[in-house]
C-alpha atoms as a PDB file:
ATOM      1  CA  MET A   1     122.396 105.719 129.553  1.00  0.00           C
ATOM      2  CA  VAL A   2     118.616 105.940 129.698  1.00  0.00           C
ATOM      3  CA  PRO A   3     117.329 108.419 127.109  1.00  0.00           C
ATOM      4  CA  GLU A   4     115.278 111.341 128.349  1.00  0.00           C
ATOM      5  CA  ILE A   5     111.723 111.181 127.045  1.00  0.00           C
ATOM      6  CA  ASN A   6     108.938 113.740 127.228  1.00  0.00           C
ATOM      7  CA  TYR A   7     105.940 111.470 127.758  1.00  0.00           C
ATOM      8  CA  TRP A   8     103.501 114.298 127.064  1.00  0.00           C
ATOM      9  CA  ALA A   9     105.044 114.631 123.611  1.00  0.00           C
ATOM     10  CA  VAL A  10     104.830 110.848 123.203  1.00  0.00           C
ATOM     11  CA  LEU A  11     101.122 110.896 124.107  1.00  0.00           C
ATOM     12  CA  LEU A  12     100.458 113.773 121.708  1.00  0.00           C
ATOM     13  CA  ALA A  13     102.434 111.998 118.975  1.00  0.00           C
ATOM     14  CA  THR A  14     100.356 108.866 119.631  1.00  0.00           C
ATOM     15  CA  ALA A  15      97.163 110.880 119.217  1.00  0.00           C
ATOM     16  CA  SER A  16      98.529 112.476 116.040  1.00  0.00           C
ATOM     17  CA  SER A  17      98.962 109.012 114.562  1.00  0.00           C
ATOM     18  CA  MET A  18      95.278 108.325 115.084  1.00  0.00           C
ATOM     19  CA  ILE A  19      94.334 111.645 113.492  1.00  0.00           C
ATOM     20  CA  VAL A  20      96.599 111.085 110.481  1.00  0.00           C
ATOM     21  CA  GLY A  21      95.216 107.571 109.984  1.00  0.00           C
ATOM     22  CA  SER A  22      91.625 108.779 110.272  1.00  0.00           C
ATOM     23  CA  ILE A  23      92.225 111.387 107.594  1.00  0.00           C
ATOM     24  CA  TRP A  24      94.477 109.288 105.325  1.00  0.00           C
ATOM     25  CA  TYR A  25      92.151 106.297 105.209  1.00  0.00           C
ATOM     26  CA  ALA A  26      88.910 108.294 105.030  1.00  0.00           C
ATOM     27  CA  ARG A  27      86.797 107.299 102.040  1.00  0.00           C
ATOM     28  CA  LYS A  28      87.164 110.730 100.435  1.00  0.00           C
ATOM     29  CA  VAL A  29      90.946 110.724 100.793  1.00  0.00           C
ATOM     30  CA  PHE A  30      92.644 107.315 100.227  1.00  0.00           C
ATOM     31  CA  GLY A  31      90.238 104.944 102.018  1.00  0.00           C
ATOM     32  CA  THR A  32      88.315 103.773  98.968  1.00  0.00           C
ATOM     33  CA  ARG A  33      91.520 103.259  96.971  1.00  0.00           C
ATOM     34  CA  TRP A  34      93.179 101.441  99.888  1.00  0.00           C
ATOM     35  CA  ALA A  35      90.152  99.163 100.427  1.00  0.00           C
ATOM     36  CA  SER A  36      90.086  98.265  96.745  1.00  0.00           C
ATOM     37  CA  LEU A  37      93.815  97.504  96.583  1.00  0.00           C
ATOM     38  CA  ALA A  38      93.865  95.641  99.914  1.00  0.00           C
ATOM     39  CA  LYS A  39      90.631  93.798  99.079  1.00  0.00           C
ATOM     40  CA  VAL A  40      88.935  95.051 102.246  1.00  0.00           C
ATOM     41  CA  ASP A  41      85.161  95.419 102.356  1.00  0.00           C
ATOM     42  CA  MET A  42      84.636  98.598 104.370  1.00  0.00           C
ATOM     43  CA  ASP A  43      80.874  97.928 104.500  1.00  0.00           C
ATOM     44  CA  ARG A  44      80.897  94.335 105.726  1.00  0.00           C
ATOM     45  CA  PRO A  45      78.062  93.776 108.193  1.00  0.00           C
ATOM     46  CA  GLY A  46      78.958  93.201 111.808  1.00  0.00           C
ATOM     47  CA  ALA A  47      82.533  94.360 111.335  1.00  0.00           C
ATOM     48  CA  SER A  48      83.963  96.099 114.357  1.00  0.00           C
ATOM     49  CA  ALA A  49      86.921  98.433 114.344  1.00  0.00           C
ATOM     50  CA  VAL A  50      87.363  98.319 118.134  1.00  0.00           C
ATOM     51  CA  LEU A  51      90.199  95.754 118.251  1.00  0.00           C
ATOM     52  CA  PRO A  52      92.122  97.299 115.315  1.00  0.00           C
ATOM     53  CA  ILE A  53      91.813 100.761 116.908  1.00  0.00           C
ATOM     54  CA  ILE A  54      93.023  99.515 120.320  1.00  0.00           C
ATOM     55  CA  THR A  55      95.915  97.754 118.587  1.00  0.00           C
ATOM     56  CA  THR A  56      96.739 100.912 116.635  1.00  0.00           C
ATOM     57  CA  VAL A  57      96.795 103.042 119.799  1.00  0.00           C
ATOM     58  CA  ILE A  58      99.188 100.619 121.513  1.00  0.00           C
ATOM     59  CA  VAL A  59     101.459 100.297 118.476  1.00  0.00           C
ATOM     60  CA  SER A  60     101.410 104.068 117.897  1.00  0.00           C
ATOM     61  CA  PHE A  61     102.437 104.657 121.513  1.00  0.00           C
ATOM     62  CA  VAL A  62     105.326 102.211 121.163  1.00  0.00           C
ATOM     63  CA  THR A  63     106.398 103.878 117.906  1.00  0.00           C
ATOM     64  CA  ALA A  64     106.291 107.369 119.447  1.00  0.00           C
ATOM     65  CA  TRP A  65     108.130 106.161 122.551  1.00  0.00           C
ATOM     66  CA  VAL A  66     110.894 104.502 120.512  1.00  0.00           C
ATOM     67  CA  LEU A  67     111.173 107.569 118.282  1.00  0.00           C
ATOM     68  CA  ALA A  68     111.456 109.836 121.334  1.00  0.00           C
ATOM     69  CA  GLY A  69     114.150 107.632 122.868  1.00  0.00           C
ATOM     70  CA  ALA A  70     116.088 107.300 119.622  1.00  0.00           C
ATOM     71  CA  THR A  71     115.835 111.065 119.090  1.00  0.00           C
ATOM     72  CA  SER A  72     117.275 111.720 122.534  1.00  0.00           C
ATOM     73  CA  ILE A  73     120.173 109.347 121.875  1.00  0.00           C
ATOM     74  CA  ALA A  74     120.819 110.886 118.426  1.00  0.00           C
ATOM     75  CA  TRP A  75     120.678 114.419 119.840  1.00  0.00           C
ATOM     76  CA  HIS A  76     123.176 113.547 122.599  1.00  0.00           C
ATOM     77  CA  PHE A  77     125.466 111.918 120.057  1.00  0.00           C
ATOM     78  CA  TYR A  78     125.313 114.496 117.262  1.00  0.00           C
ATOM     79  CA  GLY A  79     124.239 117.631 119.118  1.00  0.00           C
ATOM     80  CA  GLY A  80     122.631 120.488 117.256  1.00  0.00           C
ATOM     81  CA  SER A  81     118.918 121.071 116.917  1.00  0.00           C
ATOM     82  CA  TYR A  82     116.595 118.715 118.773  1.00  0.00           C
ATOM     83  CA  LEU A  83     114.001 119.190 116.021  1.00  0.00           C
ATOM     84  CA  TRP A  84     116.457 118.146 113.299  1.00  0.00           C
ATOM     85  CA  ALA A  85     117.559 115.182 115.411  1.00  0.00           C
ATOM     86  CA  ALA A  86     113.917 114.081 115.688  1.00  0.00           C
ATOM     87  CA  LEU A  87     113.176 114.534 111.979  1.00  0.00           C
ATOM     88  CA  GLY A  88     116.387 112.861 110.833  1.00  0.00           C
ATOM     89  CA  THR A  89     115.946 109.976 113.246  1.00  0.00           C
ATOM     90  CA  GLY A  90     112.313 109.520 112.229  1.00  0.00           C
ATOM     91  CA  VAL A  91     113.042 109.428 108.507  1.00  0.00           C
ATOM     92  CA  ILE A  92     116.003 107.060 108.937  1.00  0.00           C
ATOM     93  CA  LEU A  93     114.005 104.680 111.148  1.00  0.00           C
ATOM     94  CA  TRP A  94     111.069 104.845 108.713  1.00  0.00           C
ATOM     95  CA  ALA A  95     113.291 104.025 105.726  1.00  0.00           C
ATOM     96  CA  GLY A  96     115.302 101.318 107.450  1.00  0.00           C
ATOM     97  CA  PHE A  97     112.517  99.547 109.273  1.00  0.00           C
ATOM     98  CA  THR A  98     109.008 100.524 108.233  1.00  0.00           C
ATOM     99  CA  ALA A  99     109.411 101.081 104.488  1.00  0.00           C
ATOM    100  CA  ALA A 100     111.904  98.254 104.082  1.00  0.00           C
ATOM    101  CA  ARG A 101     109.664  95.757 105.885  1.00  0.00           C
ATOM    102  CA  PHE A 102     106.510  96.837 104.014  1.00  0.00           C
ATOM    103  CA  ILE A 103     108.293  96.485 100.684  1.00  0.00           C
ATOM    104  CA  THR A 104     109.682  93.052 101.556  1.00  0.00           C
ATOM    105  CA  HIS A 105     106.430  91.628 102.917  1.00  0.00           C
ATOM    106  CA  ASP A 106     104.287  93.103 100.162  1.00  0.00           C
ATOM    107  CA  ALA A 107     106.626  91.712  97.492  1.00  0.00           C
ATOM    108  CA  PHE A 108     106.377  88.196  98.922  1.00  0.00           C
ATOM    109  CA  GLU A 109     102.615  88.499  99.415  1.00  0.00           C
ATOM    110  CA  GLY A 110     102.152  89.718  95.843  1.00  0.00           C
ATOM    111  CA  ARG A 111     100.443  92.923  96.911  1.00  0.00           C
ATOM    112  CA  PRO A 112     100.120  95.691  94.342  1.00  0.00           C
ATOM    113  CA  THR A 113     102.989  98.182  94.284  1.00  0.00           C
ATOM    114  CA  SER A 114     100.477 101.025  94.492  1.00  0.00           C
ATOM    115  CA  LEU A 115      99.194  99.595  97.802  1.00  0.00           C
ATOM    116  CA  THR A 116     102.721  99.417  99.157  1.00  0.00           C
ATOM    117  CA  VAL A 117     103.410 103.009  98.131  1.00  0.00           C
ATOM    118  CA  LEU A 118     100.117 104.181  99.653  1.00  0.00           C
ATOM    119  CA  ASN A 119     100.851 102.469 102.969  1.00  0.00           C
ATOM    120  CA  ILE A 120     104.490 103.495 103.286  1.00  0.00           C
ATOM    121  CA  ALA A 121     103.599 107.080 102.366  1.00  0.00           C
ATOM    122  CA  HIS A 122     101.046 107.036 105.187  1.00  0.00           C
ATOM    123  CA  GLU A 123     103.701 105.760 107.559  1.00  0.00           C
ATOM    124  CA  LEU A 124     106.138 108.469 106.446  1.00  0.00           C
ATOM    125  CA  VAL A 125     103.589 111.222 107.072  1.00  0.00           C
ATOM    126  CA  THR A 126     102.750 109.682 110.461  1.00  0.00           C
ATOM    127  CA  ILE A 127     106.411 109.470 111.502  1.00  0.00           C
ATOM    128  CA  VAL A 128     107.247 112.991 110.301  1.00  0.00           C
ATOM    129  CA  ILE A 129     104.350 114.458 112.282  1.00  0.00           C
ATOM    130  CA  MET A 130     105.356 112.421 115.344  1.00  0.00           C
ATOM    131  CA  ALA A 131     108.939 113.651 114.907  1.00  0.00           C
ATOM    132  CA  LEU A 132     107.783 117.263 114.616  1.00  0.00           C
ATOM    133  CA  ILE A 133     105.861 116.958 117.892  1.00  0.00           C
ATOM    134  CA  ILE A 134     108.744 115.242 119.688  1.00  0.00           C
ATOM    135  CA  GLY A 135     111.272 117.627 118.157  1.00  0.00           C
ATOM    136  CA  VAL A 136     109.515 120.844 119.183  1.00  0.00           C
ATOM    137  CA  TRP A 137     108.744 119.514 122.690  1.00  0.00           C
ATOM    138  CA  PRO A 138     112.023 118.016 123.956  1.00  0.00           C
ATOM    139  CA  PRO A 139     112.369 116.587 127.461  1.00  0.00           C
ATOM    140  CA  ALA A 140     112.786 119.187 130.200  1.00  0.00           C
ATOM    141  CA  GLY A 141     116.402 120.139 130.821  1.00  0.00           C
ATOM    142  CA  THR A 142     117.805 118.749 127.561  1.00  0.00           C
ATOM    143  CA  VAL A 143     117.714 121.800 125.341  1.00  0.00           C
END
């Protein structure tokens, strides 16, 4: 079975990830705190954000695409509301993969717990917003 995916929702969810990240890591929100904890100099001369932004767009698309596919599979399996399938799937995938991996890697790298919490909270917000978009805009003919 190939899961049905609304690629317009995936593209919008990808864009939402960029918006969430831009707000979350803005200096006046959590950017200054993140930079301090991660030991990143946000003012380093000659630094370019082009490659990290391109990478983020690609990774965000893959995340949204996987979430859309997993949501479709979960909805077919469990039935019920497509929105709840998207939200439940997103939170479960976040907890089992994203949060778990961040916690493991950060523990071995000796990163501050507050940095780990800041980053996994960002990922949770990103995934929930992606799930909301995917959940309210299911593939044509599924709901």
